[in-house]
Amino acid sequence: MSNFANVPETQNIEYKQSWRDEYLKWICGFANANGGTIFIGKDDNGKVVGVDEAKRLLEEIPNKVRDVLGIMVDVNLHETKQGDYLEIVVEPYPNGISYKGQYHYRSGSTKQELKGVALEKFLLQKRGKRWDGVPIPNVSVSDLKQETFDFFKKRGIRSKRLDEESLNDTNEQLLENLELIEGKYLKRAALLLFHPKPEKFVTGTYIKIGYFENEADLIFQDEVHGNLFEQIEKTLDILFTKYIKAIISYENKIHRIETYEYPKDAVREALLNAIAHKDYSGLTPIQIRVYKDKIMMWNEGHLPEDWTIDNLLKSHSSRPYNPDIANAFFRSGYVESWGRGISKMNELCVAEGLPKPSYIAEGSDFWIEFRKDIYYSEYLQTLGLNDRQVKAVLYAKNKGKITNKEYQELFEVAQRTATRDLTDLVGREILRSTDVKGAGSYYELSHN
């Protein structure tokens, strides 16, 4: 009896009760994905029902697979008391396999035909290429923006990622060194990085910024266009002059110091992450939503295959979605190349007394969320506070303070319980008690 008996269909297993030539599509799908096994003569639950003329199919199926798909598969015959069944073992192939000009792909427990953008991505991946590395005709180096080349060189030299002699390089030599030219053609990445109007070639290559009163009410907004280097500089300038407040102080009554609501370097890192990992074939601009208590940054993108958010939060290698763009950012001194972006954002926020950013990946949606302070329900719950304490902190945030008596009345608890809960919040440095003793005493947020 096979070890595969009564195993449900999965990413790598498919059951068919009889053979039909259209099942060559399923073999194509397995070959284009991670390989798999098709059983002929089993029902959907993996129970053996037997297949007629199994020995004839044992010879015919490998020949049909070879003639139609151009690949080889192992076909094994299993003889059991319940009937004969076939096991077709399909290995993953490094090149794209087509069924009569169609490209099928196994995803989860289903087969899908790849078309359009999805097919382009698949074929590029099989050829070891990425979207940003595809060459584009009818564009020359002279069409690119000289000011951006000058900006890139100065940044690269200042960050010691380029040497002083790079100032004398022609634009074409610089693009060659960045591997942004293939043969006589510029790559897509070169257009995004250096062309004055990359949207002529790639729809949605810009950034939208909006200030929201709530999820539905947009108060004002901006759009940032230009090449990627210009987008970085313009976006950061607009964010930190129009959207994000600064507290002004003076050192020794002379030196002006601006302390922003969010660490500027952390926001820059998030923006660079969004740009370097964006799926530019998705045609949708990067979106930054600013609220009074948080910033949410969205881009259309994909985690590396088989990765989850947990992989991002742990130490990991750098695996940019657009490696040519990421390399140019590294050479200009914008980013590191060791996959430390997430760790860097976390460290910068914690150092400012802010919660670590939240990261959400759902399908092709990737969000980074910064919070202005720790005083919101979801974060407070992660600290192990009870429901009373969470509500008390939010009450103090809204009202400016909370007294022991108010705590008792709000939650209908004894003074001893209120004192214990409030003392715990003070010990955690979430609340602080005033110097006033007795009837006038109260508690307020520690990080006001």
Protein backbone atom coordinates (compact mmCIF):
# COMPACT_ATOMS: atom_id res chain seq x y z
CA MET A 1 0.00 0.00 0.00
CA SER A 2 1.35 3.45 -0.92
CA ASN A 3 2.35 5.86 1.81
CA PHE A 4 0.22 8.47 0.02
CA ALA A 5 -3.10 6.72 0.70
CA ASN A 6 -5.88 8.90 2.10
CA VAL A 7 -3.80 12.09 2.07
CA PRO A 8 -5.89 15.13 1.01
CA GLU A 9 -4.95 17.16 -2.07
CA THR A 10 -2.27 19.70 -1.32
CA GLN A 11 0.21 22.00 -3.07
CA ASN A 12 2.07 18.92 -4.31
CA ILE A 13 -0.61 16.21 -4.61
CA GLU A 14 -3.51 15.81 -7.07
CA TYR A 15 -5.97 12.90 -7.35
CA LYS A 16 -7.81 11.82 -10.51
CA GLN A 17 -10.09 8.80 -10.84
CA SER A 18 -9.28 8.25 -14.53
CA TRP A 19 -6.88 9.62 -17.11
CA ARG A 20 -7.79 12.37 -19.59
CA ASP A 21 -5.25 14.07 -21.84
CA GLU A 22 -6.21 17.47 -20.41
CA TYR A 23 -4.42 16.41 -17.21
CA LEU A 24 -1.24 17.28 -19.07
CA LYS A 25 -2.12 20.83 -17.92
CA TRP A 26 -1.80 19.68 -14.30
CA ILE A 27 1.59 18.15 -15.05
CA CYS A 28 2.59 21.43 -16.70
CA GLY A 29 1.44 23.29 -13.56
CA PHE A 30 3.54 21.11 -11.25
CA ALA A 31 6.60 21.42 -13.50
CA ASN A 32 6.31 25.23 -13.46
CA ALA A 33 5.87 25.38 -9.68
CA ASN A 34 7.55 23.16 -7.05
CA GLY A 35 6.88 19.78 -8.60
CA GLY A 36 4.34 17.29 -7.33
CA THR A 37 2.59 13.96 -7.76
CA ILE A 38 -0.60 13.09 -9.64
CA PHE A 39 -2.37 9.85 -8.74
CA ILE A 40 -4.61 8.28 -11.40
CA GLY A 41 -7.12 5.84 -9.91
CA LYS A 42 -7.86 7.61 -6.60
CA ASP A 43 -10.85 9.70 -5.56
CA ASP A 44 -10.69 13.23 -4.10
CA ASN A 45 -10.04 11.80 -0.62
CA GLY A 46 -7.07 9.74 -1.76
CA LYS A 47 -8.96 6.42 -1.63
CA VAL A 48 -7.99 3.86 -4.29
CA VAL A 49 -10.83 3.26 -6.78
CA GLY A 50 -8.72 1.67 -9.52
CA VAL A 51 -8.13 2.71 -13.12
CA ASP A 52 -8.78 0.66 -16.25
CA GLU A 53 -5.94 -0.37 -18.54
CA ALA A 54 -3.30 0.86 -16.08
CA LYS A 55 -0.48 -0.98 -17.86
CA ARG A 56 -1.32 0.67 -21.21
CA LEU A 57 -1.39 4.11 -19.56
CA LEU A 58 1.93 3.30 -17.89
CA GLU A 59 3.51 3.41 -21.37
CA GLU A 60 1.34 6.07 -23.00
CA ILE A 61 1.49 8.85 -20.40
CA PRO A 62 5.30 9.36 -20.41
CA ASN A 63 5.24 9.57 -24.22
CA LYS A 64 2.40 12.13 -24.25
CA VAL A 65 4.16 14.23 -21.61
CA ARG A 66 7.37 14.16 -23.67
CA ASP A 67 5.66 14.98 -26.98
CA VAL A 68 3.33 17.78 -25.70
CA LEU A 69 5.32 19.32 -22.83
CA GLY A 70 8.87 18.40 -23.80
CA ILE A 71 9.74 17.05 -20.35
CA MET A 72 10.20 13.65 -18.69
CA VAL A 73 8.17 12.30 -15.76
CA ASP A 74 8.31 9.09 -13.75
CA VAL A 75 5.14 7.00 -13.94
CA ASN A 76 4.81 4.15 -11.44
CA LEU A 77 2.19 1.39 -11.35
CA HIS A 78 0.79 0.32 -7.98
CA GLU A 79 -1.26 -2.89 -7.79
CA THR A 80 -3.54 -3.23 -4.75
CA LYS A 81 -6.59 -5.29 -3.70
CA GLN A 82 -8.74 -2.20 -4.21
CA GLY A 83 -7.48 -1.81 -7.81
CA ASP A 84 -4.51 -0.55 -9.79
CA TYR A 85 -3.48 3.11 -9.72
CA LEU A 86 -0.71 5.18 -11.28
CA GLU A 87 1.66 7.60 -9.60
CA ILE A 88 3.01 10.36 -11.88
CA VAL A 89 6.00 12.11 -10.27
CA VAL A 90 6.73 15.58 -11.70
CA GLU A 91 9.99 17.39 -10.93
CA PRO A 92 10.16 21.22 -10.87
CA TYR A 93 11.80 22.61 -14.01
CA PRO A 94 14.16 25.61 -14.09
CA ASN A 95 12.70 26.85 -17.39
CA GLY A 96 9.07 27.66 -18.21
CA ILE A 97 7.05 24.70 -19.51
CA SER A 98 4.10 25.32 -21.84
CA TYR A 99 1.08 23.21 -22.77
CA LYS A 100 0.28 24.06 -26.39
CA GLY A 101 1.41 27.66 -25.81
CA GLN A 102 -0.32 27.97 -22.43
CA TYR A 103 1.59 28.30 -19.17
CA HIS A 104 -0.06 26.62 -16.20
CA TYR A 105 1.04 26.93 -12.58
CA ARG A 106 0.20 25.04 -9.40
CA SER A 107 -0.78 27.39 -6.57
CA GLY A 108 -2.05 25.84 -3.34
CA SER A 109 -4.31 22.95 -4.36
CA THR A 110 -5.46 24.59 -7.60
CA LYS A 111 -4.11 25.01 -11.12
CA GLN A 112 -4.18 28.38 -12.86
CA GLU A 113 -3.21 29.56 -16.31
CA LEU A 114 -0.72 32.41 -16.22
CA LYS A 115 -1.55 35.39 -18.41
CA GLY A 116 -0.55 39.02 -18.82
CA VAL A 117 1.60 40.52 -16.08
CA ALA A 118 1.64 37.27 -14.08
CA LEU A 119 3.00 35.39 -17.09
CA GLU A 120 5.66 38.05 -17.70
CA LYS A 121 6.82 37.82 -14.08
CA PHE A 122 6.92 34.04 -14.25
CA LEU A 123 8.97 33.90 -17.45
CA LEU A 124 11.36 36.58 -16.18
CA GLN A 125 11.90 34.63 -12.96
CA LYS A 126 12.58 31.43 -14.87
CA ARG A 127 15.21 33.29 -16.89
CA GLY A 128 16.79 34.61 -13.70
CA LYS A 129 15.65 38.17 -14.40
CA ARG A 130 13.58 40.70 -12.48
CA TRP A 131 11.09 43.26 -13.75
CA ASP A 132 13.50 46.17 -13.21
CA GLY A 133 16.21 44.38 -15.21
CA VAL A 134 14.28 44.18 -18.49
CA PRO A 135 15.85 46.22 -21.35
CA ILE A 136 13.74 48.95 -22.99
CA PRO A 137 14.14 50.09 -26.64
CA ASN A 138 13.87 53.64 -28.01
CA VAL A 139 15.43 55.37 -24.98
CA SER A 140 19.02 56.61 -24.87
CA VAL A 141 21.36 57.85 -22.14
CA SER A 142 20.92 61.39 -23.47
CA ASP A 143 17.20 61.21 -22.56
CA LEU A 144 18.07 60.89 -18.86
CA LYS A 145 18.39 63.78 -16.40
CA GLN A 146 21.87 65.23 -15.89
CA GLU A 147 20.99 66.79 -12.51
CA THR A 148 20.06 63.35 -11.16
CA PHE A 149 23.40 61.89 -12.26
CA ASP A 150 25.19 64.75 -10.48
CA PHE A 151 23.07 64.21 -7.37
CA PHE A 152 23.80 60.47 -7.39
CA LYS A 153 27.56 60.97 -7.73
CA LYS A 154 27.74 63.50 -4.88
CA ARG A 155 25.73 61.28 -2.55
CA GLY A 156 27.75 58.20 -3.44
CA ILE A 157 31.08 59.94 -2.85
CA ARG A 158 29.89 61.50 0.42
CA SER A 159 28.81 58.07 1.69
CA LYS A 160 32.09 56.52 0.44
CA ARG A 161 30.20 54.07 -1.79
CA LEU A 162 31.81 55.72 -4.83
CA ASP A 163 35.36 57.02 -5.17
CA GLU A 164 36.28 60.60 -6.13
CA GLU A 165 37.25 59.50 -9.64
CA SER A 166 33.58 58.67 -10.32
CA LEU A 167 32.98 62.41 -10.77
CA ASN A 168 34.82 62.12 -14.08
CA ASP A 169 32.79 59.16 -15.34
CA THR A 170 30.41 59.75 -18.20
CA ASN A 171 26.76 58.99 -17.59
CA GLU A 172 27.07 55.91 -19.77
CA GLN A 173 30.07 54.67 -17.75
CA LEU A 174 28.11 55.19 -14.54
CA LEU A 175 25.17 53.18 -15.88
CA GLU A 176 27.55 50.45 -17.04
CA ASN A 177 29.10 50.27 -13.55
CA LEU A 178 25.62 50.02 -12.02
CA GLU A 179 24.79 47.27 -14.58
CA LEU A 180 21.83 49.30 -15.83
CA ILE A 181 22.68 48.76 -19.49
CA GLU A 182 22.19 45.48 -21.34
CA GLY A 183 23.74 45.45 -24.79
CA LYS A 184 22.63 48.66 -26.43
CA TYR A 185 19.51 49.07 -24.28
CA LEU A 186 18.83 50.74 -20.96
CA LYS A 187 17.13 48.65 -18.30
CA ARG A 188 13.81 49.65 -16.79
CA ALA A 189 15.60 50.49 -13.54
CA ALA A 190 17.67 53.15 -15.37
CA LEU A 191 14.48 54.88 -16.50
CA LEU A 192 12.92 54.83 -13.05
CA LEU A 193 16.09 56.12 -11.41
CA PHE A 194 17.29 58.76 -13.88
CA HIS A 195 14.60 59.68 -16.42
CA PRO A 196 12.85 63.05 -15.82
CA LYS A 197 9.42 61.49 -16.47
CA PRO A 198 9.44 57.73 -15.85
CA GLU A 199 5.62 57.70 -15.93
CA LYS A 200 5.89 57.96 -19.73
CA PHE A 201 7.07 54.35 -19.61
CA VAL A 202 5.62 52.93 -16.36
CA THR A 203 2.14 53.91 -15.17
CA GLY A 204 1.74 54.63 -11.46
CA THR A 205 5.37 55.50 -10.82
CA TYR A 206 4.68 58.24 -8.30
CA ILE A 207 3.71 58.75 -4.63
CA LYS A 208 0.41 59.95 -3.14
CA ILE A 209 0.37 61.57 0.31
CA GLY A 210 -2.82 62.40 2.18
CA TYR A 211 -3.79 63.74 5.59
CA PHE A 212 -6.86 61.97 6.99
CA GLU A 213 -9.11 63.02 9.85
CA ASN A 214 -10.32 59.40 9.91
CA GLU A 215 -10.38 56.50 7.47
CA ALA A 216 -12.97 58.19 5.24
CA ASP A 217 -12.24 61.93 5.51
CA LEU A 218 -9.30 63.19 3.44
CA ILE A 219 -8.39 66.74 4.50
CA PHE A 220 -5.59 67.56 2.03
CA GLN A 221 -3.19 65.68 -0.25
CA ASP A 222 -0.10 65.90 -2.48
CA GLU A 223 1.36 63.92 -5.34
CA VAL A 224 5.10 63.50 -5.88
CA HIS A 225 6.34 62.84 -9.42
CA GLY A 226 9.75 62.57 -11.09
CA ASN A 227 12.38 59.86 -10.98
CA LEU A 228 12.92 57.75 -7.87
CA PHE A 229 15.74 59.89 -6.45
CA GLU A 230 13.58 63.00 -6.85
CA GLN A 231 10.61 61.21 -5.28
CA ILE A 232 12.64 60.32 -2.19
CA GLU A 233 13.85 63.87 -1.59
CA LYS A 234 10.55 65.59 -2.43
CA THR A 235 8.47 63.17 -0.37
CA LEU A 236 10.62 63.53 2.73
CA ASP A 237 10.61 67.31 2.37
CA ILE A 238 6.81 67.48 2.07
CA LEU A 239 6.23 65.02 4.92
CA PHE A 240 8.46 66.85 7.38
CA THR A 241 7.38 70.38 6.47
CA LYS A 242 3.63 69.91 5.91
CA TYR A 243 2.43 66.66 7.47
CA ILE A 244 4.64 65.82 10.46
CA LYS A 245 4.95 68.33 13.28
CA ALA A 246 8.23 69.35 14.87
CA ILE A 247 8.85 70.50 18.43
CA ILE A 248 11.28 73.43 18.41
CA SER A 249 13.80 73.79 21.25
CA TYR A 250 17.13 75.57 21.70
CA GLU A 251 20.41 74.27 23.03
CA ASN A 252 22.23 76.92 25.11
CA LYS A 253 19.57 79.37 23.87
CA ILE A 254 21.36 79.50 20.51
CA HIS A 255 21.22 76.27 18.54
CA ARG A 256 17.77 75.49 17.18
CA ILE A 257 16.77 71.83 17.56
CA GLU A 258 13.78 70.26 15.77
CA THR A 259 12.38 67.07 17.30
CA TYR A 260 9.83 65.41 15.04
CA GLU A 261 6.85 63.28 16.04
CA TYR A 262 8.46 60.33 14.22
CA PRO A 263 12.17 59.57 13.73
CA LYS A 264 13.07 61.02 10.34
CA ASP A 265 15.55 58.25 9.57
CA ALA A 266 12.92 55.59 10.29
CA VAL A 267 10.40 57.22 7.93
CA ARG A 268 13.13 57.55 5.28
CA GLU A 269 13.94 53.85 5.68
CA ALA A 270 10.26 52.94 5.26
CA LEU A 271 10.02 55.08 2.12
CA LEU A 272 13.14 53.52 0.62
CA ASN A 273 11.78 50.09 1.47
CA ALA A 274 8.50 50.87 -0.30
CA ILE A 275 10.26 52.16 -3.43
CA ALA A 276 12.88 49.39 -3.67
CA HIS A 277 10.36 46.59 -3.12
CA LYS A 278 7.41 47.99 -5.08
CA ASP A 279 5.91 45.85 -7.82
CA TYR A 280 5.98 48.46 -10.58
CA SER A 281 4.01 46.23 -12.93
CA GLY A 282 1.02 46.75 -10.61
CA LEU A 283 0.46 50.31 -11.96
CA THR A 284 -0.64 51.72 -8.56
CA PRO A 285 1.32 54.54 -6.85
CA ILE A 286 2.83 54.23 -3.38
CA GLN A 287 0.41 55.69 -0.83
CA ILE A 288 1.22 57.44 2.45
CA ARG A 289 -1.71 58.10 4.80
CA VAL A 290 -1.03 60.51 7.67
CA TYR A 291 -3.37 60.69 10.69
CA LYS A 292 -3.14 62.65 13.90
CA ASP A 293 -1.76 59.60 15.73
CA LYS A 294 -0.16 57.41 13.03
CA ILE A 295 1.38 57.16 9.56
CA MET A 296 0.55 54.29 7.23
CA MET A 297 2.73 53.63 4.17
CA TRP A 298 1.53 51.22 1.47
CA ASN A 299 3.10 49.72 -1.59
CA GLU A 300 2.14 46.91 -3.91
CA GLY A 301 4.75 44.23 -3.41
CA HIS A 302 5.47 40.63 -2.52
CA LEU A 303 7.54 38.95 0.16
CA PRO A 304 10.10 36.41 -1.08
CA GLU A 305 8.52 33.03 -1.77
CA ASP A 306 7.64 31.08 1.40
CA TRP A 307 8.38 34.14 3.60
CA THR A 308 6.10 35.60 6.25
CA ILE A 309 6.33 38.76 8.37
CA ASP A 310 8.18 36.62 10.95
CA ASN A 311 11.04 36.19 8.46
CA LEU A 312 11.28 39.98 8.11
CA LEU A 313 11.38 40.54 11.85
CA LYS A 314 14.25 38.08 12.31
CA SER A 315 17.80 38.55 11.07
CA HIS A 316 17.66 37.91 7.33
CA SER A 317 19.57 38.38 4.12
CA SER A 318 18.78 41.23 1.76
CA ARG A 319 16.43 40.02 -0.98
CA PRO A 320 15.08 43.13 -2.75
CA TYR A 321 12.17 42.76 -5.17
CA ASN A 322 13.98 45.15 -7.54
CA PRO A 323 17.70 44.34 -7.15
CA ASP A 324 18.93 46.86 -9.75
CA ILE A 325 17.07 49.70 -8.03
CA ALA A 326 18.25 48.53 -4.61
CA ASN A 327 21.87 48.41 -5.81
CA ALA A 328 21.65 52.01 -7.03
CA PHE A 329 20.21 53.06 -3.65
CA PHE A 330 23.10 51.29 -1.93
CA ARG A 331 25.73 52.95 -4.13
CA SER A 332 24.18 56.34 -3.45
CA GLY A 333 24.39 55.73 0.30
CA TYR A 334 20.65 55.61 0.87
CA VAL A 335 20.47 52.04 2.19
CA GLU A 336 22.53 49.23 3.60
CA SER A 337 22.76 45.95 1.70
CA TRP A 338 22.42 43.53 4.58
CA GLY A 339 18.68 43.38 5.13
CA ARG A 340 18.75 45.60 8.25
CA GLY A 341 15.98 47.99 7.22
CA ILE A 342 13.35 46.48 9.55
CA SER A 343 15.76 46.28 12.49
CA LYS A 344 16.87 49.86 11.89
CA MET A 345 13.30 51.20 11.90
CA ASN A 346 12.51 49.26 15.08
CA GLU A 347 15.63 50.53 16.88
CA LEU A 348 15.05 54.16 15.88
CA CYS A 349 11.44 54.14 17.11
CA VAL A 350 12.23 52.42 20.41
CA ALA A 351 15.06 54.90 21.02
CA GLU A 352 12.48 57.72 20.76
CA GLY A 353 10.11 56.01 23.19
CA LEU A 354 7.73 55.00 20.40
CA PRO A 355 6.32 51.54 19.70
CA LYS A 356 7.98 49.49 16.98
CA PRO A 357 6.33 49.91 13.58
CA SER A 358 3.72 47.35 12.54
CA TYR A 359 4.22 45.37 9.33
CA ILE A 360 1.33 43.81 7.42
CA ALA A 361 1.57 41.66 4.28
CA GLU A 362 -1.67 40.48 2.71
CA GLY A 363 -1.50 39.24 -0.87
CA SER A 364 0.19 42.02 -2.84
CA ASP A 365 -0.50 44.65 -0.14
CA PHE A 366 2.39 45.62 2.13
CA TRP A 367 1.86 48.17 4.92
CA ILE A 368 4.22 49.80 7.40
CA GLU A 369 2.50 51.66 10.25
CA PHE A 370 4.17 54.14 12.60
CA ARG A 371 2.43 55.22 15.82
CA LYS A 372 3.03 58.62 17.38
CA ASP A 373 2.92 57.22 20.92
CA ILE A 374 2.27 54.05 22.88
CA TYR A 375 -1.17 55.14 23.98
CA TYR A 376 -3.48 53.11 21.79
CA SER A 377 -5.48 50.00 22.59
CA GLU A 378 -3.75 47.37 20.46
CA TYR A 379 -0.28 48.21 21.75
CA LEU A 380 -1.33 48.54 25.39
CA GLN A 381 -2.89 45.08 25.23
CA THR A 382 0.43 43.59 24.13
CA LEU A 383 1.97 44.82 27.40
CA GLY A 384 -0.22 42.49 29.44
CA LEU A 385 -2.45 45.19 30.93
CA ASN A 386 -5.92 44.24 32.05
CA ASP A 387 -8.96 45.78 30.32
CA ARG A 388 -9.47 48.33 33.11
CA GLN A 389 -5.91 49.57 32.81
CA VAL A 390 -6.11 49.90 29.01
CA LYS A 391 -9.33 51.92 29.26
CA ALA A 392 -7.88 54.04 32.09
CA VAL A 393 -4.82 54.96 30.03
CA LEU A 394 -7.02 55.94 27.07
CA TYR A 395 -9.23 57.94 29.47
CA ALA A 396 -6.17 59.81 30.78
CA LYS A 397 -5.04 60.43 27.19
CA ASN A 398 -8.44 61.90 26.30
CA LYS A 399 -9.05 63.87 29.51
CA GLY A 400 -5.45 64.77 30.33
CA LYS A 401 -5.48 62.95 33.67
CA ILE A 402 -7.27 60.38 35.83
CA THR A 403 -7.76 60.28 39.61
CA ASN A 404 -8.02 57.28 41.90
CA LYS A 405 -11.65 58.13 42.58
CA GLU A 406 -12.45 58.35 38.86
CA TYR A 407 -10.83 54.95 38.39
CA GLN A 408 -13.05 53.48 41.12
CA GLU A 409 -16.20 54.99 39.61
CA LEU A 410 -15.40 54.12 36.01
CA PHE A 411 -14.79 50.44 36.71
CA GLU A 412 -16.82 49.96 39.91
CA VAL A 413 -13.86 48.67 41.91
CA ALA A 414 -12.64 49.21 45.46
CA GLN A 415 -9.98 51.81 46.27
CA ARG A 416 -7.47 49.05 46.94
CA THR A 417 -7.94 47.63 43.41
CA ALA A 418 -7.73 51.07 41.83
CA THR A 419 -4.54 51.86 43.75
CA ARG A 420 -2.97 48.54 42.75
CA ASP A 421 -3.79 49.01 39.04
CA LEU A 422 -2.61 52.61 38.95
CA THR A 423 0.59 51.82 40.88
CA ASP A 424 1.31 49.09 38.33
CA LEU A 425 0.88 51.59 35.46
CA VAL A 426 3.27 53.98 37.19
CA GLY A 427 5.79 51.17 37.68
CA ARG A 428 5.60 50.39 33.95
CA GLU A 429 6.25 54.11 33.25
CA ILE A 430 2.97 54.40 31.32
CA LEU A 431 1.45 56.83 33.83
CA ARG A 432 3.12 59.11 36.36
CA SER A 433 1.67 60.43 39.61
CA THR A 434 1.75 64.12 40.46
CA ASP A 435 3.62 65.60 43.41
CA VAL A 436 0.31 66.67 44.88
CA LYS A 437 -0.83 64.40 47.70
CA GLY A 438 -4.25 63.71 49.09
CA ALA A 439 -7.53 64.79 47.49
CA GLY A 440 -5.87 66.77 44.67
CA SER A 441 -3.61 63.95 43.45
CA TYR A 442 -4.01 62.55 39.95
CA TYR A 443 -2.20 60.53 37.27
CA GLU A 444 -1.17 61.64 33.78
CA LEU A 445 0.64 60.10 30.79
CA SER A 446 4.35 59.57 31.37
CA HIS A 447 5.38 60.53 27.84
CA ASN A 448 3.50 63.80 27.48
